[in-house]
Amino acid sequence: MTRAIIHIDMDAFFAAIEQRDHAAYRHQPVIVGGSKDSRGVVSTASYEARQFGIHSAMAMSEALRRCPNGIYLPVDMAKYRGVSAQIMAIFHRYTPLVEAISLDEAFLDVTESRLLFGEAADIAHAIKREIKAEVHLTASVGIAHCKFLAKLASEMNKPDGFYQINADELPQKVWPLAIQKMMGVGKKTEALLLKMGIRTIGQLAKCDRNILSQILGKQGLLLHDLANGVDQRPVEAERAAKSIGRETTFAQDIDDQYILETILMDLTEDVTATLRRRRLKGRTVQIKIRYDDFKSVTRAMTIADYTANFALIFSIAEQLFRDHYSVNRPVRLLGVSVSHLAADEEIVSQMQLFDLNKPKEKQEKLDTVLDHLNERYGKKTVTRARQMTNELPQKE
């Protein structure tokens, strides 16, 4: 049976929620990420704001220069998570095989679901209708036999898009596209391909594999497979957590170390809050840095004690980043995770008579208080100075 994969991507998610909830924001350039005087970065820009050239991961100062009269809003992560949960619940009505990529994006494997709900296109249309009726937002949908093509299809007609690529339609629908549309083609890879005279996905698909391997290594073979619609990656539904992590892919590469470290702080805060919410602690901290040429660096450190403490975990993540980041090199993805997990009740604290570790106890109490306030009143109700109005740039 031919696989049926749906990729669903919400349209300008954070900004669209704010426009939904505030009539005065509708049809206006809305920029979510912070106030006009923030040093942070744009998290999400409405389609009206994008007409000014504003995009996620852009410095707020540049966004303000391009659109001084825009509506600038802080991120309300608690609200956005709630809306995301509603959307994910709709997905699960049709298949248990849901792989959430972020709050606003997921892959669905509906291969077997077709026996109950009709063809993949019928399922996708039904999901779009239910999101519109129940959540009052629009989503763009792509359908194909593999993840790569489904993701590519969902980007074709945004916003509120619907596009399907069948296996025999690659020559008409995919091969004429520019190589920049390919997953894994950053600026450096694009430059190499252009030097080879490869400007379209079709030219890449027909290129000699040996030549691609010589110039790009394993990445060249991967790109050749994708260009020919070969992508065997499964849709991985959520399993019992072996690690808790968060990563973000930037719409535009970032080479500012201060911004990258502040984003790393935000990622770590989200990870540690999730650990505490699930009553878990971990011992291994890992960071992931993916550069503009798609080469990735992962580094980890394991400590003696289980922890969910923000200050400790961020200090490790920050040191790993500083030790292994190539300064001024553009980054397209940044992530942090904590593994080697154990539930609170499984951890036996062996309190030594002269090692009660009062500073650690105080930090844990502070984390608990912050969790309570931010859960009750919304994220960033209380925050660290460096993080003020600076939120994660989400890929859209």
Protein backbone atom coordinates (compact mmCIF):
# COMPACT_ATOMS: atom_id res chain seq x y z
CA MET A 1 0.00 0.00 0.00
CA THR A 2 1.40 3.39 -0.99
CA ARG A 3 2.08 5.59 2.01
CA ALA A 4 -0.05 8.70 2.53
CA ILE A 5 1.65 11.48 4.49
CA ILE A 6 0.04 14.81 5.34
CA HIS A 7 2.05 17.82 6.48
CA ILE A 8 0.04 20.54 8.22
CA ASP A 9 1.49 23.97 8.94
CA MET A 10 -0.55 26.66 10.65
CA ASP A 11 -0.44 30.06 8.95
CA ALA A 12 1.51 32.75 10.88
CA PHE A 13 0.42 30.92 14.02
CA PHE A 14 1.21 33.30 16.88
CA ALA A 15 0.19 36.41 14.93
CA ALA A 16 -2.96 34.73 13.61
CA ILE A 17 -4.07 33.87 17.16
CA GLU A 18 -3.64 37.50 18.22
CA GLN A 19 -5.58 38.70 15.18
CA ARG A 20 -8.31 36.19 15.95
CA ASP A 21 -8.59 37.38 19.55
CA HIS A 22 -8.38 41.13 18.88
CA ALA A 23 -10.59 42.63 16.20
CA ALA A 24 -8.41 45.75 16.01
CA TYR A 25 -5.41 43.66 14.91
CA ARG A 26 -7.12 42.07 11.92
CA HIS A 27 -5.71 43.00 8.51
CA GLN A 28 -2.93 44.90 10.31
CA PRO A 29 0.84 44.19 10.38
CA VAL A 30 1.24 42.23 13.62
CA ILE A 31 4.73 41.35 14.84
CA VAL A 32 4.97 38.91 17.76
CA GLY A 33 8.20 38.83 19.73
CA GLY A 34 8.37 41.90 21.89
CA SER A 35 7.92 45.62 22.26
CA LYS A 36 9.29 48.21 19.86
CA ASP A 37 12.28 48.88 22.11
CA SER A 38 13.22 45.21 22.48
CA ARG A 39 16.64 43.93 21.50
CA GLY A 40 15.11 40.54 20.73
CA VAL A 41 14.01 38.89 17.53
CA VAL A 42 10.74 38.49 15.67
CA SER A 43 8.98 35.26 16.55
CA THR A 44 6.11 35.46 14.05
CA ALA A 45 4.95 38.10 11.58
CA SER A 46 1.46 38.29 10.13
CA TYR A 47 1.12 38.18 6.36
CA GLU A 48 0.41 41.90 6.39
CA ALA A 49 3.75 42.46 8.17
CA ARG A 50 5.55 40.22 5.69
CA GLN A 51 4.69 42.65 2.96
CA PHE A 52 7.25 44.95 4.61
CA GLY A 53 9.90 42.22 4.37
CA ILE A 54 9.60 41.22 8.02
CA HIS A 55 10.24 37.57 8.88
CA SER A 56 10.90 35.39 11.92
CA ALA A 57 14.37 35.65 13.47
CA MET A 58 14.76 39.22 12.21
CA ALA A 59 16.03 41.66 14.83
CA MET A 60 13.19 43.70 16.30
CA SER A 61 15.13 46.87 15.57
CA GLU A 62 15.16 46.01 11.86
CA ALA A 63 11.45 45.13 11.92
CA LEU A 64 10.73 48.51 13.51
CA ARG A 65 12.76 50.27 10.84
CA ARG A 66 10.78 48.56 8.10
CA CYS A 67 7.38 48.91 9.73
CA PRO A 68 7.34 51.65 12.41
CA ASN A 69 3.54 51.61 12.62
CA GLY A 70 3.21 47.88 13.11
CA ILE A 71 1.55 46.26 16.11
CA TYR A 72 4.31 44.79 18.29
CA LEU A 73 3.27 42.16 20.83
CA PRO A 74 5.00 39.92 23.39
CA VAL A 75 4.71 36.16 23.10
CA ASP A 76 1.91 34.56 25.13
CA MET A 77 3.21 31.02 25.12
CA ALA A 78 0.64 29.67 27.55
CA LYS A 79 -2.16 30.73 25.20
CA TYR A 80 -0.38 29.41 22.11
CA ARG A 81 0.23 26.04 23.74
CA GLY A 82 -3.46 25.79 24.55
CA VAL A 83 -4.45 26.44 20.94
CA SER A 84 -1.81 23.97 19.76
CA ALA A 85 -3.31 21.29 22.01
CA GLN A 86 -6.72 21.86 20.40
CA ILE A 87 -5.23 21.46 16.93
CA MET A 88 -3.26 18.34 17.83
CA ALA A 89 -6.45 16.80 19.25
CA ILE A 90 -8.10 17.27 15.85
CA PHE A 91 -5.20 15.47 14.16
CA HIS A 92 -5.56 12.51 16.52
CA ARG A 93 -9.17 12.02 15.47
CA TYR A 94 -7.86 10.68 12.19
CA THR A 95 -4.63 8.86 13.07
CA PRO A 96 -2.49 8.01 16.10
CA LEU A 97 0.60 8.55 13.93
CA VAL A 98 1.08 12.27 14.55
CA GLU A 99 4.61 13.69 14.69
CA ALA A 100 4.51 17.20 16.11
CA ILE A 101 7.45 19.24 14.81
CA SER A 102 6.51 22.36 16.76
CA LEU A 103 3.41 23.95 18.25
CA ASP A 104 2.08 24.77 14.79
CA GLU A 105 3.39 22.02 12.54
CA ALA A 106 3.00 18.25 12.27
CA PHE A 107 3.28 15.23 10.00
CA LEU A 108 0.41 12.73 9.91
CA ASP A 109 0.63 9.21 8.49
CA VAL A 110 -2.89 8.43 7.26
CA THR A 111 -1.99 5.34 5.24
CA GLU A 112 -4.25 3.04 7.27
CA SER A 113 -6.76 5.77 8.11
CA ARG A 114 -7.96 5.78 4.51
CA LEU A 115 -9.93 2.60 5.24
CA LEU A 116 -12.09 4.60 7.67
CA PHE A 117 -12.07 8.18 6.42
CA GLY A 118 -11.51 8.09 2.67
CA GLU A 119 -8.53 9.25 0.66
CA ALA A 120 -5.77 11.42 2.09
CA ALA A 121 -7.22 14.49 0.35
CA ASP A 122 -10.60 13.87 2.03
CA ILE A 123 -8.90 13.61 5.42
CA ALA A 124 -6.86 16.75 4.85
CA HIS A 125 -9.90 18.77 3.80
CA ALA A 126 -11.82 17.53 6.84
CA ILE A 127 -8.99 18.57 9.17
CA LYS A 128 -8.80 22.02 7.59
CA ARG A 129 -12.55 22.45 8.01
CA GLU A 130 -12.47 21.38 11.65
CA ILE A 131 -9.57 23.69 12.48
CA LYS A 132 -11.43 26.57 10.87
CA ALA A 133 -14.71 25.77 12.61
CA GLU A 134 -13.35 24.99 16.08
CA VAL A 135 -10.18 27.05 16.40
CA HIS A 136 -10.99 29.81 13.87
CA LEU A 137 -7.58 29.65 12.21
CA THR A 138 -6.31 28.57 8.82
CA ALA A 139 -3.79 25.85 8.02
CA SER A 140 -1.81 25.00 4.91
CA VAL A 141 -1.71 21.33 3.96
CA GLY A 142 0.56 19.22 1.78
CA ILE A 143 -0.02 15.59 0.78
CA ALA A 144 2.47 13.13 -0.69
CA HIS A 145 3.90 9.64 -0.25
CA CYS A 146 6.85 10.87 1.85
CA LYS A 147 7.73 13.55 4.36
CA PHE A 148 9.93 15.65 2.09
CA LEU A 149 7.32 16.06 -0.62
CA ALA A 150 4.48 16.58 1.86
CA LYS A 151 6.43 19.39 3.53
CA LEU A 152 7.27 20.89 0.13
CA ALA A 153 3.61 20.71 -0.90
CA SER A 154 2.38 22.51 2.21
CA GLU A 155 4.54 25.51 1.31
CA MET A 156 3.18 25.86 -2.22
CA ASN A 157 -0.01 27.85 -1.68
CA LYS A 158 0.25 29.52 1.75
CA PRO A 159 -1.78 30.85 3.45
CA ASP A 160 -4.78 28.53 3.72
CA GLY A 161 -3.16 26.32 1.10
CA PHE A 162 -3.86 22.81 -0.15
CA TYR A 163 -1.52 20.95 -2.47
CA GLN A 164 -0.95 17.32 -3.35
CA ILE A 165 2.05 15.77 -5.08
CA ASN A 166 1.55 12.25 -6.40
CA ALA A 167 4.52 9.98 -7.09
CA ASP A 168 4.16 10.32 -10.87
CA GLU A 169 3.90 14.13 -10.73
CA LEU A 170 7.50 14.96 -9.84
CA PRO A 171 8.45 16.08 -13.38
CA GLN A 172 5.54 18.55 -13.52
CA LYS A 173 5.22 19.75 -9.92
CA VAL A 174 8.64 19.35 -8.30
CA TRP A 175 11.48 19.27 -10.80
CA PRO A 176 10.90 22.79 -12.17
CA LEU A 177 11.36 24.28 -8.66
CA ALA A 178 14.56 26.10 -7.70
CA ILE A 179 17.06 24.10 -5.64
CA GLN A 180 16.56 26.58 -2.75
CA LYS A 181 13.28 24.74 -2.10
CA MET A 182 15.23 21.59 -1.22
CA MET A 183 15.53 20.54 2.40
CA GLY A 184 19.20 20.81 3.35
CA VAL A 185 20.23 23.29 0.70
CA GLY A 186 21.75 26.25 2.54
CA LYS A 187 23.72 29.10 1.05
CA LYS A 188 27.00 27.17 0.76
CA THR A 189 25.39 24.07 -0.74
CA GLU A 190 23.40 26.25 -3.12
CA ALA A 191 26.60 27.98 -4.25
CA LEU A 192 28.27 24.62 -4.95
CA LEU A 193 25.27 23.35 -6.89
CA LEU A 194 25.05 26.55 -8.93
CA LYS A 195 28.72 26.19 -9.85
CA MET A 196 27.84 22.72 -11.17
CA GLY A 197 25.10 24.27 -13.29
CA ILE A 198 22.33 22.81 -11.10
CA ARG A 199 19.57 25.37 -10.65
CA THR A 200 16.44 23.26 -10.37
CA ILE A 201 15.38 20.19 -8.43
CA GLY A 202 14.99 18.36 -11.73
CA GLN A 203 18.60 19.01 -12.68
CA LEU A 204 19.64 17.73 -9.26
CA ALA A 205 17.48 14.61 -9.70
CA LYS A 206 19.20 13.79 -13.00
CA CYS A 207 22.74 14.55 -11.82
CA ASP A 208 25.26 11.71 -11.56
CA ARG A 209 25.27 10.37 -7.98
CA ASN A 210 29.01 9.78 -8.00
CA ILE A 211 29.68 13.42 -8.86
CA LEU A 212 27.33 14.62 -6.10
CA SER A 213 29.02 12.28 -3.64
CA GLN A 214 32.48 13.58 -4.55
CA ILE A 215 31.46 17.20 -4.09
CA LEU A 216 28.91 17.03 -1.25
CA GLY A 217 29.57 13.66 0.36
CA LYS A 218 26.64 11.85 1.97
CA GLN A 219 24.59 15.03 1.78
CA GLY A 220 24.78 14.89 -2.02
CA LEU A 221 23.34 11.38 -2.06
CA LEU A 222 20.58 12.40 0.35
CA LEU A 223 19.66 15.38 -1.82
CA HIS A 224 19.62 13.19 -4.93
CA ASP A 225 17.22 10.76 -3.24
CA LEU A 226 14.91 13.54 -2.10
CA ALA A 227 14.88 15.14 -5.54
CA ASN A 228 13.69 11.79 -6.89
CA GLY A 229 10.98 11.46 -4.24
CA VAL A 230 12.86 8.87 -2.18
CA ASP A 231 12.39 9.48 1.53
CA GLN A 232 11.80 6.51 3.82
CA ARG A 233 11.66 8.45 7.10
CA PRO A 234 8.68 7.28 9.17
CA VAL A 235 6.21 9.50 10.95
CA GLU A 236 7.24 9.03 14.56
CA ALA A 237 4.41 9.34 17.05
CA GLU A 238 5.24 10.46 20.59
CA ARG A 239 6.57 7.67 22.75
CA ALA A 240 7.64 7.45 26.38
CA ALA A 241 10.12 10.23 26.79
CA LYS A 242 13.78 9.24 26.70
CA SER A 243 14.68 12.89 26.59
CA ILE A 244 13.00 16.28 26.78
CA GLY A 245 14.19 18.75 24.19
CA ARG A 246 13.33 21.85 22.24
CA GLU A 247 14.81 23.12 19.02
CA THR A 248 13.95 25.81 16.51
CA THR A 249 14.79 26.27 12.85
CA PHE A 250 15.26 29.87 11.78
CA ALA A 251 13.63 31.30 8.68
CA GLN A 252 16.85 33.29 8.21
CA ASP A 253 20.27 32.12 9.41
CA ILE A 254 21.62 33.87 12.53
CA ASP A 255 25.29 34.61 13.20
CA ASP A 256 24.88 36.97 16.18
CA GLN A 257 26.23 35.08 19.20
CA TYR A 258 24.31 37.21 21.72
CA ILE A 259 21.00 36.45 20.01
CA LEU A 260 21.87 32.75 19.69
CA GLU A 261 22.73 32.48 23.39
CA THR A 262 19.53 34.29 24.36
CA ILE A 263 17.52 31.88 22.20
CA LEU A 264 19.38 29.02 23.88
CA MET A 265 18.26 30.48 27.23
CA ASP A 266 14.64 30.49 26.07
CA LEU A 267 14.91 26.91 24.82
CA THR A 268 16.44 25.80 28.12
CA GLU A 269 13.74 27.54 30.12
CA ASP A 270 11.07 25.72 28.13
CA VAL A 271 12.81 22.35 28.53
CA THR A 272 13.31 22.71 32.29
CA ALA A 273 9.71 23.88 32.78
CA THR A 274 8.54 20.78 30.89
CA LEU A 275 10.72 18.55 33.07
CA ARG A 276 9.24 20.01 36.24
CA ARG A 277 5.70 19.83 34.88
CA ARG A 278 6.19 16.11 34.15
CA ARG A 279 7.97 15.59 37.48
CA LEU A 280 11.15 14.45 35.76
CA LYS A 281 14.82 15.21 36.24
CA GLY A 282 17.82 14.41 34.08
CA ARG A 283 21.59 14.12 34.17
CA THR A 284 22.72 14.67 30.57
CA VAL A 285 22.49 18.05 28.83
CA GLN A 286 22.96 18.16 25.06
CA ILE A 287 22.99 21.00 22.56
CA LYS A 288 22.58 20.85 18.80
CA ILE A 289 23.92 23.47 16.38
CA ARG A 290 23.08 23.15 12.68
CA TYR A 291 24.92 25.54 10.40
CA ASP A 292 23.81 27.09 7.12
CA ASP A 293 25.49 24.29 5.13
CA PHE A 294 23.33 21.76 7.05
CA LYS A 295 26.29 20.33 8.95
CA SER A 296 25.37 19.67 12.57
CA VAL A 297 27.33 19.64 15.81
CA THR A 298 25.96 17.92 18.91
CA ARG A 299 27.75 18.00 22.24
CA ALA A 300 26.68 16.69 25.66
CA MET A 301 27.75 16.70 29.27
CA THR A 302 26.63 14.33 32.05
CA ILE A 303 26.58 15.39 35.68
CA ALA A 304 26.40 13.35 38.88
CA ASP A 305 23.00 14.46 40.20
CA TYR A 306 19.57 14.46 38.58
CA THR A 307 18.21 17.98 38.11
CA ALA A 308 15.51 20.07 36.49
CA ASN A 309 17.05 23.33 37.67
CA PHE A 310 17.16 26.05 35.02
CA ALA A 311 20.31 27.79 36.25
CA LEU A 312 22.39 24.61 36.33
CA ILE A 313 21.16 23.22 33.02
CA PHE A 314 21.56 26.53 31.22
CA SER A 315 25.07 27.02 32.57
CA ILE A 316 26.02 23.67 31.04
CA ALA A 317 24.23 24.35 27.74
CA GLU A 318 25.80 27.80 27.49
CA GLN A 319 29.30 26.46 28.15
CA LEU A 320 28.83 23.70 25.56
CA PHE A 321 27.69 26.30 23.06
CA ARG A 322 30.60 28.63 23.72
CA ASP A 323 33.10 25.78 23.52
CA HIS A 324 31.84 24.44 20.22
CA TYR A 325 30.20 27.28 18.26
CA SER A 326 32.25 28.54 15.31
CA VAL A 327 32.08 32.30 15.91
CA ASN A 328 30.31 34.32 13.19
CA ARG A 329 29.24 31.17 11.37
CA PRO A 330 25.54 31.36 10.37
CA VAL A 331 23.25 28.99 12.27
CA ARG A 332 19.97 27.64 10.86
CA LEU A 333 18.89 25.47 13.83
CA LEU A 334 19.58 25.50 17.55
CA GLY A 335 18.43 22.99 20.12
CA VAL A 336 18.88 21.79 23.69
CA SER A 337 17.75 18.59 25.38
CA VAL A 338 18.02 16.79 28.70
CA SER A 339 18.22 12.99 28.82
CA HIS A 340 19.09 10.17 31.24
CA LEU A 341 15.73 10.91 32.85
CA ALA A 342 14.14 9.67 36.03
CA ALA A 343 10.84 10.45 37.73
CA ASP A 344 10.99 12.40 40.98
CA GLU A 345 9.71 9.45 42.96
CA GLU A 346 12.45 7.21 41.54
CA ILE A 347 15.24 9.50 42.68
CA VAL A 348 16.58 8.77 46.11
CA SER A 349 18.18 11.86 47.60
CA GLN A 350 21.01 10.84 49.83
CA MET A 351 21.32 13.90 52.02
CA GLN A 352 24.72 14.07 53.60
CA LEU A 353 25.00 15.60 57.03
CA PHE A 354 27.27 18.45 55.98
CA ASP A 355 26.09 18.84 52.36
CA LEU A 356 22.54 20.08 52.43
CA ASN A 357 23.24 22.28 49.38
CA LYS A 358 21.09 25.25 50.41
CA PRO A 359 21.84 27.27 47.24
CA LYS A 360 20.51 24.41 45.10
CA GLU A 361 17.41 24.16 47.32
CA LYS A 362 16.78 27.90 46.89
CA GLN A 363 17.15 27.67 43.11
CA GLU A 364 14.63 24.84 42.95
CA LYS A 365 12.15 26.85 45.03
CA LEU A 366 12.64 29.83 42.72
CA ASP A 367 11.94 27.64 39.67
CA THR A 368 8.77 26.35 41.32
CA VAL A 369 7.51 29.87 42.06
CA LEU A 370 8.25 31.01 38.49
CA ASP A 371 6.44 27.96 37.09
CA HIS A 372 3.38 28.76 39.19
CA LEU A 373 3.24 32.42 38.17
CA ASN A 374 3.85 31.79 34.48
CA GLU A 375 1.36 28.94 34.30
CA ARG A 376 -1.31 31.02 36.00
CA TYR A 377 -0.76 34.36 34.33
CA GLY A 378 1.04 33.45 31.09
CA LYS A 379 4.65 32.95 30.14
CA LYS A 380 6.97 35.90 30.79
CA THR A 381 4.84 37.19 33.68
CA VAL A 382 8.10 36.93 35.59
CA THR A 383 11.30 36.49 33.62
CA ARG A 384 15.02 37.08 33.60
CA ALA A 385 16.24 40.47 32.41
CA ARG A 386 18.08 39.13 29.38
CA GLN A 387 14.96 37.38 28.14
CA MET A 388 12.64 40.37 28.33
CA THR A 389 10.41 40.38 25.23
CA ASN A 390 12.81 38.03 23.47
CA GLU A 391 11.17 34.86 22.25
CA LEU A 392 12.02 31.93 20.05
CA PRO A 393 11.86 32.57 16.31
CA GLN A 394 9.57 29.89 15.01
CA LYS A 395 9.94 28.41 11.60
CA GLU A 396 6.84 28.79 9.44
